[in-house]
Amino acid sequence: MTIVEIQLIPRKKNKYKVRLDGGEDLVLYKRELKSYGLEEGVELSDVDYARILEETIIPRAKRRAMHLLEKQDRTQHNLEDKLRESDYPNVAIQAAVEYVASYHYIDDERYARSYVRFHQEGKSKRRITQDLMQKGVDRDIIALALEEEYESSEEGMIRDLLRKKNYNPENADAKERQKMYRFLMGRGFSSNDISKVLRGFEEF
């Protein structure tokens, strides 16, 4: 493979992107470019490319993954996205993910259970499912976490939200009722539960 371009990364002191024809780009420090003898137009053998990955890029990706997980728990999908944002090649990302997973530092089921426990007082099952799917958690894992961890009453949550919104059924007109209905739908509650609670609220 050929080194097409070596470009200084803006706002990254001494960090350069090595663009390759025939392989994934690499990000290296200036001293590393010199150490490996990398220059524009030079042919980089598969052996040397693999050596750079094993000696420098993959260990750095593993350290970066550990640092990201020290700050907060993450899903596998989110961790991969963060590493990709730092321009690590796919092989390094997968190696880093496998490394942290081998120590159970990343676990989508644990993440899902924790998310459900923390958010169940303010979010519906549907909303939690949507949130976790956006974070890349498998639907089966989400379903298991909800089944075993979700203890809140969604009708009770709707009633609490109505009180917090100072919803007064005696003074509410059709426009206000529709506005409240849309608000609760936006929180992920089912139309049946919303209608049932609103009717009960008004009867009460």
N, C-alpha and C. Protein backbone atom coordinates (compact mmCIF):
# COMPACT_ATOMS: atom_id res chain seq x y z
N MET A 1 0.85 -1.20 0.00
CA MET A 1 0.00 0.00 0.00
C MET A 1 0.88 1.24 0.00
N THR A 2 0.36 2.31 -0.56
CA THR A 2 1.14 3.54 -0.72
C THR A 2 0.66 4.62 0.24
N ILE A 3 1.62 5.36 0.80
CA ILE A 3 1.28 6.51 1.65
C ILE A 3 0.97 7.68 0.72
N VAL A 4 -0.31 8.00 0.61
CA VAL A 4 -0.76 9.04 -0.31
C VAL A 4 -0.49 10.43 0.25
N GLU A 5 -0.74 10.60 1.56
CA GLU A 5 -0.61 11.93 2.16
C GLU A 5 -0.38 11.80 3.66
N ILE A 6 0.42 12.68 4.20
CA ILE A 6 0.59 12.80 5.65
C ILE A 6 0.20 14.22 6.02
N GLN A 7 -0.86 14.36 6.78
CA GLN A 7 -1.45 15.68 7.02
C GLN A 7 -1.58 15.96 8.52
N LEU A 8 -1.12 17.14 8.93
CA LEU A 8 -1.27 17.56 10.31
C LEU A 8 -2.75 17.73 10.62
N ILE A 9 -3.20 17.16 11.74
CA ILE A 9 -4.60 17.26 12.12
C ILE A 9 -4.82 18.60 12.83
N PRO A 10 -5.78 19.42 12.36
CA PRO A 10 -6.03 20.73 12.99
C PRO A 10 -6.31 20.60 14.48
N ARG A 11 -5.73 21.52 15.24
CA ARG A 11 -5.93 21.61 16.69
C ARG A 11 -5.42 20.37 17.44
N LYS A 12 -4.61 19.55 16.77
CA LYS A 12 -4.01 18.38 17.42
C LYS A 12 -2.49 18.48 17.27
N LYS A 13 -1.85 19.03 18.26
CA LYS A 13 -0.42 19.28 18.18
C LYS A 13 0.36 17.99 17.97
N ASN A 14 1.19 17.99 16.93
CA ASN A 14 2.07 16.86 16.60
C ASN A 14 1.35 15.57 16.24
N LYS A 15 0.04 15.67 15.89
CA LYS A 15 -0.72 14.49 15.48
C LYS A 15 -0.99 14.57 13.99
N TYR A 16 -0.69 13.47 13.29
CA TYR A 16 -0.81 13.46 11.84
C TYR A 16 -1.67 12.30 11.36
N LYS A 17 -2.44 12.55 10.29
CA LYS A 17 -3.20 11.47 9.66
C LYS A 17 -2.41 10.97 8.46
N VAL A 18 -2.18 9.67 8.46
CA VAL A 18 -1.46 9.03 7.36
C VAL A 18 -2.50 8.39 6.44
N ARG A 19 -2.70 8.98 5.27
CA ARG A 19 -3.70 8.47 4.33
C ARG A 19 -3.05 7.42 3.43
N LEU A 20 -3.72 6.27 3.34
CA LEU A 20 -3.14 5.14 2.62
C LEU A 20 -4.00 4.73 1.44
N ASP A 21 -3.34 4.30 0.38
CA ASP A 21 -4.02 3.71 -0.77
C ASP A 21 -3.89 2.20 -0.62
N GLY A 22 -4.99 1.56 -0.14
CA GLY A 22 -4.94 0.12 0.03
C GLY A 22 -5.02 -0.33 1.47
N GLY A 23 -5.28 0.59 2.39
CA GLY A 23 -5.42 0.24 3.81
C GLY A 23 -6.12 1.36 4.56
N GLU A 24 -6.56 1.06 5.78
CA GLU A 24 -7.23 2.09 6.58
C GLU A 24 -6.21 3.12 7.06
N ASP A 25 -6.63 4.39 7.08
CA ASP A 25 -5.74 5.47 7.51
C ASP A 25 -5.30 5.27 8.95
N LEU A 26 -4.15 5.86 9.27
CA LEU A 26 -3.60 5.78 10.62
C LEU A 26 -3.38 7.18 11.16
N VAL A 27 -3.48 7.33 12.47
CA VAL A 27 -3.15 8.60 13.13
C VAL A 27 -1.95 8.36 14.03
N LEU A 28 -0.89 9.12 13.79
CA LEU A 28 0.36 8.92 14.53
C LEU A 28 0.95 10.27 14.92
N TYR A 29 1.81 10.23 15.95
CA TYR A 29 2.53 11.43 16.36
C TYR A 29 3.76 11.60 15.47
N LYS A 30 4.28 12.82 15.47
CA LYS A 30 5.41 13.15 14.60
C LYS A 30 6.61 12.24 14.86
N ARG A 31 6.89 11.97 16.14
CA ARG A 31 8.03 11.11 16.48
C ARG A 31 7.83 9.69 15.97
N GLU A 32 6.57 9.26 15.89
CA GLU A 32 6.27 7.91 15.41
C GLU A 32 6.44 7.82 13.89
N LEU A 33 6.10 8.90 13.20
CA LEU A 33 6.32 8.93 11.75
C LEU A 33 7.80 8.75 11.46
N LYS A 34 8.61 9.44 12.23
CA LYS A 34 10.06 9.36 12.04
C LYS A 34 10.58 7.98 12.41
N SER A 35 10.07 7.44 13.51
CA SER A 35 10.52 6.13 13.98
C SER A 35 10.23 5.03 12.96
N TYR A 36 9.07 5.10 12.31
CA TYR A 36 8.69 4.08 11.33
C TYR A 36 9.14 4.43 9.91
N GLY A 37 9.74 5.61 9.76
CA GLY A 37 10.23 6.01 8.44
C GLY A 37 9.12 6.25 7.43
N LEU A 38 8.05 6.86 7.88
CA LEU A 38 6.89 7.07 7.01
C LEU A 38 6.98 8.43 6.33
N GLU A 39 6.86 8.42 5.01
CA GLU A 39 6.87 9.63 4.20
C GLU A 39 5.89 9.48 3.05
N GLU A 40 5.42 10.61 2.55
CA GLU A 40 4.50 10.57 1.41
C GLU A 40 5.16 9.91 0.21
N GLY A 41 4.39 9.05 -0.45
CA GLY A 41 4.90 8.37 -1.63
C GLY A 41 5.61 7.06 -1.35
N VAL A 42 5.88 6.78 -0.08
CA VAL A 42 6.60 5.56 0.30
C VAL A 42 5.64 4.38 0.30
N GLU A 43 6.13 3.21 -0.13
CA GLU A 43 5.34 1.98 -0.07
C GLU A 43 5.43 1.40 1.34
N LEU A 44 4.26 1.08 1.90
CA LEU A 44 4.20 0.48 3.24
C LEU A 44 3.75 -0.97 3.09
N SER A 45 4.63 -1.89 3.46
CA SER A 45 4.32 -3.31 3.30
C SER A 45 3.24 -3.73 4.30
N ASP A 46 2.56 -4.85 4.00
CA ASP A 46 1.54 -5.38 4.91
C ASP A 46 2.16 -5.72 6.26
N VAL A 47 3.40 -6.21 6.24
CA VAL A 47 4.09 -6.57 7.48
C VAL A 47 4.33 -5.34 8.34
N ASP A 48 4.81 -4.26 7.72
CA ASP A 48 5.07 -3.03 8.48
C ASP A 48 3.77 -2.39 8.96
N TYR A 49 2.74 -2.47 8.13
CA TYR A 49 1.43 -1.93 8.52
C TYR A 49 0.91 -2.67 9.75
N ALA A 50 1.01 -3.99 9.73
CA ALA A 50 0.56 -4.80 10.86
C ALA A 50 1.39 -4.50 12.10
N ARG A 51 2.67 -4.26 11.92
CA ARG A 51 3.55 -3.95 13.06
C ARG A 51 3.15 -2.63 13.70
N ILE A 52 2.82 -1.63 12.89
CA ILE A 52 2.39 -0.34 13.44
C ILE A 52 1.10 -0.51 14.23
N LEU A 53 0.19 -1.31 13.68
CA LEU A 53 -1.06 -1.56 14.39
C LEU A 53 -0.80 -2.23 15.73
N GLU A 54 -0.03 -3.29 15.73
CA GLU A 54 0.20 -4.08 16.94
C GLU A 54 1.02 -3.32 17.98
N GLU A 55 2.01 -2.58 17.54
CA GLU A 55 2.91 -1.90 18.48
C GLU A 55 2.34 -0.58 19.01
N THR A 56 1.59 0.12 18.17
CA THR A 56 1.21 1.49 18.53
C THR A 56 -0.31 1.74 18.54
N ILE A 57 -0.96 1.45 17.42
CA ILE A 57 -2.36 1.85 17.27
C ILE A 57 -3.29 1.06 18.18
N ILE A 58 -3.18 -0.26 18.18
CA ILE A 58 -4.09 -1.08 19.00
C ILE A 58 -3.90 -0.83 20.49
N PRO A 59 -2.66 -0.81 21.01
CA PRO A 59 -2.49 -0.48 22.45
C PRO A 59 -3.07 0.89 22.80
N ARG A 60 -2.93 1.85 21.90
CA ARG A 60 -3.47 3.19 22.16
C ARG A 60 -5.00 3.15 22.17
N ALA A 61 -5.59 2.38 21.27
CA ALA A 61 -7.05 2.26 21.24
C ALA A 61 -7.57 1.61 22.51
N LYS A 62 -6.85 0.63 23.02
CA LYS A 62 -7.25 -0.02 24.27
C LYS A 62 -7.21 0.97 25.43
N ARG A 63 -6.16 1.77 25.48
CA ARG A 63 -6.06 2.77 26.56
C ARG A 63 -7.17 3.80 26.45
N ARG A 64 -7.47 4.21 25.22
CA ARG A 64 -8.53 5.18 25.01
C ARG A 64 -9.88 4.62 25.44
N ALA A 65 -10.12 3.35 25.12
CA ALA A 65 -11.37 2.70 25.52
C ALA A 65 -11.49 2.65 27.04
N MET A 66 -10.41 2.32 27.71
CA MET A 66 -10.42 2.27 29.17
C MET A 66 -10.71 3.66 29.75
N HIS A 67 -10.09 4.67 29.16
CA HIS A 67 -10.30 6.04 29.64
C HIS A 67 -11.75 6.46 29.47
N LEU A 68 -12.35 6.12 28.34
CA LEU A 68 -13.75 6.47 28.09
C LEU A 68 -14.68 5.78 29.08
N LEU A 69 -14.37 4.54 29.44
CA LEU A 69 -15.21 3.79 30.37
C LEU A 69 -15.00 4.22 31.81
N GLU A 70 -13.86 4.83 32.10
CA GLU A 70 -13.64 5.36 33.45
C GLU A 70 -14.58 6.53 33.72
N LYS A 71 -14.89 7.28 32.68
CA LYS A 71 -15.75 8.46 32.83
C LYS A 71 -17.21 8.08 33.00
N GLN A 72 -17.66 7.07 32.25
CA GLN A 72 -19.06 6.65 32.35
C GLN A 72 -19.23 5.28 31.70
N ASP A 73 -20.28 4.58 32.13
CA ASP A 73 -20.60 3.29 31.54
C ASP A 73 -21.14 3.53 30.14
N ARG A 74 -20.80 2.66 29.20
CA ARG A 74 -21.21 2.84 27.81
C ARG A 74 -21.65 1.51 27.21
N THR A 75 -22.46 1.61 26.16
CA THR A 75 -22.79 0.42 25.39
C THR A 75 -21.64 0.15 24.42
N GLN A 76 -21.63 -1.06 23.88
CA GLN A 76 -20.60 -1.40 22.89
C GLN A 76 -20.69 -0.47 21.68
N HIS A 77 -21.90 -0.23 21.22
CA HIS A 77 -22.11 0.63 20.06
C HIS A 77 -21.57 2.03 20.30
N ASN A 78 -21.86 2.58 21.48
CA ASN A 78 -21.40 3.92 21.81
C ASN A 78 -19.88 3.98 21.91
N LEU A 79 -19.29 2.96 22.51
CA LEU A 79 -17.82 2.92 22.63
C LEU A 79 -17.18 2.86 21.25
N GLU A 80 -17.74 2.04 20.37
CA GLU A 80 -17.21 1.96 19.01
C GLU A 80 -17.30 3.31 18.30
N ASP A 81 -18.42 4.00 18.48
CA ASP A 81 -18.58 5.32 17.86
C ASP A 81 -17.53 6.31 18.37
N LYS A 82 -17.29 6.28 19.68
CA LYS A 82 -16.32 7.20 20.27
C LYS A 82 -14.91 6.93 19.73
N LEU A 83 -14.56 5.66 19.61
CA LEU A 83 -13.24 5.31 19.08
C LEU A 83 -13.13 5.69 17.61
N ARG A 84 -14.23 5.53 16.89
CA ARG A 84 -14.24 5.90 15.46
C ARG A 84 -14.06 7.41 15.30
N GLU A 85 -14.64 8.17 16.23
CA GLU A 85 -14.49 9.63 16.18
C GLU A 85 -13.03 10.04 16.35
N SER A 86 -12.25 9.19 17.02
CA SER A 86 -10.83 9.47 17.22
C SER A 86 -9.98 8.90 16.10
N ASP A 87 -10.62 8.46 15.02
CA ASP A 87 -9.94 7.99 13.81
C ASP A 87 -9.15 6.69 13.98
N TYR A 88 -9.60 5.84 14.90
CA TYR A 88 -8.95 4.53 14.99
C TYR A 88 -9.49 3.64 13.88
N PRO A 89 -8.64 2.84 13.25
CA PRO A 89 -9.11 1.91 12.22
C PRO A 89 -9.97 0.81 12.83
N ASN A 90 -10.79 0.19 12.01
CA ASN A 90 -11.74 -0.81 12.51
C ASN A 90 -11.07 -1.95 13.26
N VAL A 91 -9.93 -2.39 12.77
CA VAL A 91 -9.25 -3.51 13.43
C VAL A 91 -8.84 -3.14 14.85
N ALA A 92 -8.44 -1.89 15.06
CA ALA A 92 -8.06 -1.43 16.40
C ALA A 92 -9.28 -1.26 17.28
N ILE A 93 -10.38 -0.79 16.71
CA ILE A 93 -11.62 -0.62 17.47
C ILE A 93 -12.11 -1.97 17.98
N GLN A 94 -12.12 -2.97 17.11
CA GLN A 94 -12.59 -4.29 17.52
C GLN A 94 -11.67 -4.91 18.56
N ALA A 95 -10.37 -4.70 18.41
CA ALA A 95 -9.42 -5.22 19.40
C ALA A 95 -9.64 -4.56 20.75
N ALA A 96 -9.90 -3.26 20.75
CA ALA A 96 -10.11 -2.53 22.00
C ALA A 96 -11.41 -2.97 22.67
N VAL A 97 -12.46 -3.16 21.87
CA VAL A 97 -13.75 -3.59 22.42
C VAL A 97 -13.63 -5.00 23.02
N GLU A 98 -12.97 -5.88 22.30
CA GLU A 98 -12.77 -7.24 22.81
C GLU A 98 -11.95 -7.22 24.10
N TYR A 99 -11.00 -6.34 24.17
CA TYR A 99 -10.14 -6.24 25.36
C TYR A 99 -10.94 -5.82 26.59
N VAL A 100 -11.72 -4.75 26.47
CA VAL A 100 -12.48 -4.28 27.64
C VAL A 100 -13.61 -5.26 27.99
N ALA A 101 -14.17 -5.90 26.95
CA ALA A 101 -15.23 -6.88 27.20
C ALA A 101 -14.70 -8.09 27.95
N SER A 102 -13.45 -8.46 27.69
CA SER A 102 -12.86 -9.62 28.36
C SER A 102 -12.73 -9.41 29.86
N TYR A 103 -12.69 -8.15 30.28
CA TYR A 103 -12.63 -7.81 31.71
C TYR A 103 -14.00 -7.38 32.24
N HIS A 104 -15.03 -7.52 31.41
CA HIS A 104 -16.41 -7.16 31.77
C HIS A 104 -16.56 -5.67 32.07
N TYR A 105 -15.67 -4.86 31.46
CA TYR A 105 -15.81 -3.41 31.63
C TYR A 105 -16.93 -2.87 30.76
N ILE A 106 -17.34 -3.66 29.77
CA ILE A 106 -18.45 -3.26 28.92
C ILE A 106 -19.42 -4.43 28.84
N ASP A 107 -20.68 -4.14 29.08
CA ASP A 107 -21.70 -5.20 29.14
C ASP A 107 -23.04 -4.55 28.85
N ASP A 108 -23.59 -4.80 27.67
CA ASP A 108 -24.84 -4.14 27.26
C ASP A 108 -26.01 -4.51 28.16
N GLU A 109 -26.04 -5.75 28.65
CA GLU A 109 -27.14 -6.14 29.53
C GLU A 109 -27.07 -5.38 30.85
N ARG A 110 -25.88 -5.28 31.41
CA ARG A 110 -25.71 -4.53 32.65
C ARG A 110 -26.09 -3.06 32.44
N TYR A 111 -25.67 -2.51 31.30
CA TYR A 111 -25.99 -1.12 30.98
C TYR A 111 -27.50 -0.93 30.89
N ALA A 112 -28.19 -1.86 30.20
CA ALA A 112 -29.64 -1.75 30.02
C ALA A 112 -30.37 -1.83 31.35
N ARG A 113 -29.95 -2.77 32.20
CA ARG A 113 -30.59 -2.91 33.52
C ARG A 113 -30.41 -1.63 34.34
N SER A 114 -29.22 -1.09 34.33
CA SER A 114 -28.94 0.13 35.08
C SER A 114 -29.76 1.30 34.53
N TYR A 115 -29.86 1.38 33.21
CA TYR A 115 -30.63 2.46 32.58
C TYR A 115 -32.10 2.37 32.97
N VAL A 116 -32.65 1.16 32.96
CA VAL A 116 -34.06 0.96 33.33
C VAL A 116 -34.29 1.37 34.79
N ARG A 117 -33.42 0.91 35.68
CA ARG A 117 -33.60 1.24 37.10
C ARG A 117 -33.54 2.74 37.34
N PHE A 118 -32.64 3.42 36.64
CA PHE A 118 -32.43 4.85 36.87
C PHE A 118 -33.55 5.71 36.27
N HIS A 119 -34.09 5.27 35.11
CA HIS A 119 -35.03 6.12 34.38
C HIS A 119 -36.49 5.71 34.50
N GLN A 120 -36.77 4.61 35.19
CA GLN A 120 -38.15 4.12 35.18
C GLN A 120 -39.14 5.04 35.89
N GLU A 121 -38.67 5.90 36.78
CA GLU A 121 -39.59 6.81 37.46
C GLU A 121 -40.06 7.94 36.57
N GLY A 122 -39.33 8.19 35.47
CA GLY A 122 -39.70 9.33 34.63
C GLY A 122 -39.96 9.00 33.18
N LYS A 123 -39.75 7.72 32.79
CA LYS A 123 -39.92 7.35 31.39
C LYS A 123 -40.76 6.08 31.26
N SER A 124 -41.53 6.03 30.19
CA SER A 124 -42.33 4.85 29.92
C SER A 124 -41.46 3.73 29.36
N LYS A 125 -42.01 2.53 29.34
CA LYS A 125 -41.28 1.40 28.76
C LYS A 125 -40.95 1.66 27.29
N ARG A 126 -41.92 2.24 26.58
CA ARG A 126 -41.69 2.51 25.16
C ARG A 126 -40.55 3.50 24.96
N ARG A 127 -40.53 4.56 25.78
CA ARG A 127 -39.48 5.57 25.66
C ARG A 127 -38.11 4.97 26.02
N ILE A 128 -38.05 4.17 27.06
CA ILE A 128 -36.79 3.54 27.44
C ILE A 128 -36.30 2.61 26.34
N THR A 129 -37.24 1.88 25.74
CA THR A 129 -36.88 0.99 24.62
C THR A 129 -36.29 1.80 23.47
N GLN A 130 -36.93 2.91 23.13
CA GLN A 130 -36.43 3.76 22.04
C GLN A 130 -35.03 4.30 22.37
N ASP A 131 -34.85 4.76 23.60
CA ASP A 131 -33.56 5.32 24.01
C ASP A 131 -32.45 4.27 23.91
N LEU A 132 -32.71 3.08 24.42
CA LEU A 132 -31.68 2.03 24.43
C LEU A 132 -31.38 1.52 23.02
N MET A 133 -32.40 1.47 22.18
CA MET A 133 -32.15 1.05 20.80
C MET A 133 -31.28 2.06 20.07
N GLN A 134 -31.50 3.35 20.37
CA GLN A 134 -30.66 4.39 19.77
C GLN A 134 -29.21 4.27 20.23
N LYS A 135 -29.02 3.71 21.40
CA LYS A 135 -27.67 3.51 21.94
C LYS A 135 -27.05 2.20 21.45
N GLY A 136 -27.81 1.46 20.60
CA GLY A 136 -27.27 0.26 20.00
C GLY A 136 -27.48 -1.01 20.79
N VAL A 137 -28.35 -0.98 21.80
CA VAL A 137 -28.60 -2.18 22.60
C VAL A 137 -29.59 -3.08 21.87
N ASP A 138 -29.34 -4.38 21.87
CA ASP A 138 -30.19 -5.34 21.19
C ASP A 138 -31.59 -5.36 21.82
N ARG A 139 -32.61 -5.52 20.98
CA ARG A 139 -34.00 -5.49 21.46
C ARG A 139 -34.28 -6.58 22.49
N ASP A 140 -33.70 -7.76 22.32
CA ASP A 140 -33.93 -8.85 23.28
C ASP A 140 -33.36 -8.51 24.65
N ILE A 141 -32.21 -7.85 24.67
CA ILE A 141 -31.59 -7.44 25.93
C ILE A 141 -32.46 -6.39 26.61
N ILE A 142 -33.00 -5.47 25.83
CA ILE A 142 -33.89 -4.43 26.37
C ILE A 142 -35.13 -5.06 26.99
N ALA A 143 -35.72 -6.01 26.26
CA ALA A 143 -36.94 -6.67 26.75
C ALA A 143 -36.69 -7.38 28.06
N LEU A 144 -35.55 -8.05 28.17
CA LEU A 144 -35.20 -8.76 29.41
C LEU A 144 -35.01 -7.78 30.56
N ALA A 145 -34.31 -6.69 30.30
CA ALA A 145 -34.06 -5.68 31.33
C ALA A 145 -35.37 -5.07 31.82
N LEU A 146 -36.27 -4.77 30.91
CA LEU A 146 -37.56 -4.19 31.29
C LEU A 146 -38.39 -5.19 32.09
N GLU A 147 -38.38 -6.43 31.66
CA GLU A 147 -39.17 -7.45 32.34
C GLU A 147 -38.72 -7.64 33.79
N GLU A 148 -37.42 -7.57 34.02
CA GLU A 148 -36.89 -7.90 35.34
C GLU A 148 -36.62 -6.67 36.21
N GLU A 149 -36.52 -5.49 35.61
CA GLU A 149 -36.14 -4.31 36.39
C GLU A 149 -37.23 -3.24 36.48
N TYR A 150 -38.13 -3.19 35.51
CA TYR A 150 -39.12 -2.10 35.47
C TYR A 150 -40.25 -2.39 36.45
N GLU A 151 -40.38 -1.54 37.46
CA GLU A 151 -41.37 -1.76 38.50
C GLU A 151 -42.38 -0.63 38.62
N SER A 152 -42.19 0.42 37.88
CA SER A 152 -43.07 1.58 38.00
C SER A 152 -44.43 1.32 37.35
N SER A 153 -45.44 2.01 37.85
CA SER A 153 -46.77 1.98 37.24
C SER A 153 -46.86 3.13 36.25
N GLU A 154 -47.10 2.80 34.99
CA GLU A 154 -47.16 3.85 33.98
C GLU A 154 -48.36 4.76 34.19
N GLU A 155 -49.46 4.19 34.65
CA GLU A 155 -50.62 5.03 34.93
C GLU A 155 -50.32 5.98 36.09
N GLY A 156 -49.60 5.49 37.09
CA GLY A 156 -49.19 6.35 38.20
C GLY A 156 -48.27 7.46 37.75
N MET A 157 -47.36 7.13 36.80
CA MET A 157 -46.45 8.15 36.27
C MET A 157 -47.22 9.22 35.51
N ILE A 158 -48.23 8.81 34.76
CA ILE A 158 -49.05 9.78 34.02
C ILE A 158 -49.76 10.72 34.99
N ARG A 159 -50.33 10.16 36.06
CA ARG A 159 -51.02 10.99 37.06
C ARG A 159 -50.05 11.99 37.69
N ASP A 160 -48.83 11.52 37.99
CA ASP A 160 -47.83 12.43 38.58
C ASP A 160 -47.48 13.55 37.63
N LEU A 161 -47.33 13.24 36.36
CA LEU A 161 -47.00 14.26 35.37
C LEU A 161 -48.13 15.28 35.22
N LEU A 162 -49.35 14.79 35.27
CA LEU A 162 -50.50 15.71 35.19
C LEU A 162 -50.50 16.68 36.37
N ARG A 163 -50.19 16.16 37.56
CA ARG A 163 -50.13 17.03 38.74
C ARG A 163 -48.99 18.05 38.61
N LYS A 164 -47.83 17.57 38.13
CA LYS A 164 -46.68 18.47 37.99
C LYS A 164 -46.96 19.57 36.96
N LYS A 165 -47.77 19.23 35.98
CA LYS A 165 -48.14 20.20 34.94
C LYS A 165 -49.31 21.08 35.38
N ASN A 166 -49.77 20.85 36.63
CA ASN A 166 -50.92 21.61 37.17
C ASN A 166 -52.15 21.49 36.27
N TYR A 167 -52.34 20.29 35.76
CA TYR A 167 -53.49 20.05 34.89
C TYR A 167 -54.77 20.02 35.73
N ASN A 168 -55.69 20.90 35.39
CA ASN A 168 -56.95 21.00 36.11
C ASN A 168 -58.09 20.61 35.17
N PRO A 169 -58.66 19.43 35.34
CA PRO A 169 -59.71 18.97 34.41
C PRO A 169 -60.94 19.86 34.42
N GLU A 170 -61.18 20.56 35.51
CA GLU A 170 -62.37 21.41 35.59
C GLU A 170 -62.24 22.63 34.67
N ASN A 171 -61.00 23.12 34.52
CA ASN A 171 -60.80 24.32 33.72
C ASN A 171 -60.27 24.02 32.32
N ALA A 172 -59.86 22.78 32.08
CA ALA A 172 -59.23 22.44 30.81
C ALA A 172 -60.25 22.39 29.68
N ASP A 173 -59.93 23.08 28.59
CA ASP A 173 -60.80 22.99 27.41
C ASP A 173 -60.25 21.90 26.48
N ALA A 174 -60.91 21.72 25.35
CA ALA A 174 -60.51 20.65 24.42
C ALA A 174 -59.08 20.86 23.92
N LYS A 175 -58.68 22.11 23.69
CA LYS A 175 -57.34 22.41 23.20
C LYS A 175 -56.29 22.02 24.23
N GLU A 176 -56.54 22.33 25.50
CA GLU A 176 -55.59 22.00 26.56
C GLU A 176 -55.51 20.49 26.77
N ARG A 177 -56.65 19.81 26.67
CA ARG A 177 -56.65 18.36 26.82
C ARG A 177 -55.83 17.70 25.70
N GLN A 178 -55.98 18.22 24.48
CA GLN A 178 -55.21 17.67 23.36
C GLN A 178 -53.71 17.94 23.53
N LYS A 179 -53.39 19.13 24.05
CA LYS A 179 -51.99 19.48 24.29
C LYS A 179 -51.37 18.53 25.31
N MET A 180 -52.11 18.25 26.38
CA MET A 180 -51.62 17.34 27.41
C MET A 180 -51.49 15.92 26.86
N TYR A 181 -52.45 15.54 26.01
CA TYR A 181 -52.42 14.20 25.40
C TYR A 181 -51.15 14.06 24.54
N ARG A 182 -50.86 15.08 23.74
CA ARG A 182 -49.67 15.03 22.88
C ARG A 182 -48.39 15.00 23.72
N PHE A 183 -48.37 15.75 24.80
CA PHE A 183 -47.21 15.77 25.70
C PHE A 183 -46.94 14.38 26.26
N LEU A 184 -47.99 13.71 26.70
CA LEU A 184 -47.84 12.37 27.28
C LEU A 184 -47.47 11.33 26.23
N MET A 185 -48.00 11.48 25.03
CA MET A 185 -47.61 10.59 23.93
C MET A 185 -46.14 10.76 23.61
N GLY A 186 -45.67 12.02 23.70
CA GLY A 186 -44.25 12.29 23.45
C GLY A 186 -43.34 11.65 24.48
N ARG A 187 -43.88 11.38 25.66
CA ARG A 187 -43.11 10.70 26.70
C ARG A 187 -43.13 9.18 26.51
N GLY A 188 -43.87 8.73 25.50
CA GLY A 188 -43.87 7.31 25.19
C GLY A 188 -44.98 6.49 25.81
N PHE A 189 -45.95 7.15 26.45
CA PHE A 189 -47.05 6.41 27.06
C PHE A 189 -48.06 6.00 25.99
N SER A 190 -48.74 4.88 26.23
CA SER A 190 -49.71 4.38 25.26
C SER A 190 -50.97 5.23 25.31
N SER A 191 -51.66 5.27 24.18
CA SER A 191 -52.90 6.06 24.10
C SER A 191 -53.96 5.52 25.05
N ASN A 192 -53.99 4.19 25.25
CA ASN A 192 -54.97 3.60 26.16
C ASN A 192 -54.75 4.06 27.59
N ASP A 193 -53.47 4.02 28.04
CA ASP A 193 -53.16 4.45 29.40
C ASP A 193 -53.45 5.93 29.60
N ILE A 194 -53.11 6.74 28.60
CA ILE A 194 -53.35 8.19 28.71
C ILE A 194 -54.84 8.48 28.81
N SER A 195 -55.61 7.87 27.91
CA SER A 195 -57.05 8.11 27.91
C SER A 195 -57.69 7.66 29.21
N LYS A 196 -57.25 6.51 29.70
CA LYS A 196 -57.80 5.97 30.95
C LYS A 196 -57.53 6.91 32.12
N VAL A 197 -56.29 7.40 32.21
CA VAL A 197 -55.93 8.28 33.34
C VAL A 197 -56.64 9.63 33.20
N LEU A 198 -56.68 10.17 31.98
CA LEU A 198 -57.36 11.46 31.79
C LEU A 198 -58.83 11.37 32.16
N ARG A 199 -59.48 10.26 31.76
CA ARG A 199 -60.89 10.08 32.13
C ARG A 199 -61.04 10.01 33.65
N GLY A 200 -60.16 9.24 34.28
CA GLY A 200 -60.20 9.11 35.73
C GLY A 200 -59.94 10.43 36.40
N PHE A 201 -59.02 11.21 35.87
CA PHE A 201 -58.69 12.52 36.43
C PHE A 201 -59.89 13.43 36.38
N GLU A 202 -60.57 13.40 35.23
CA GLU A 202 -61.70 14.30 35.05
C GLU A 202 -62.90 13.85 35.91
N GLU A 203 -63.06 12.52 36.02
CA GLU A 203 -64.15 12.03 36.88
C GLU A 203 -63.87 12.36 38.33
N PHE A 204 -62.58 12.26 38.71
CA PHE A 204 -62.21 12.57 40.09
C PHE A 204 -62.45 14.05 40.40
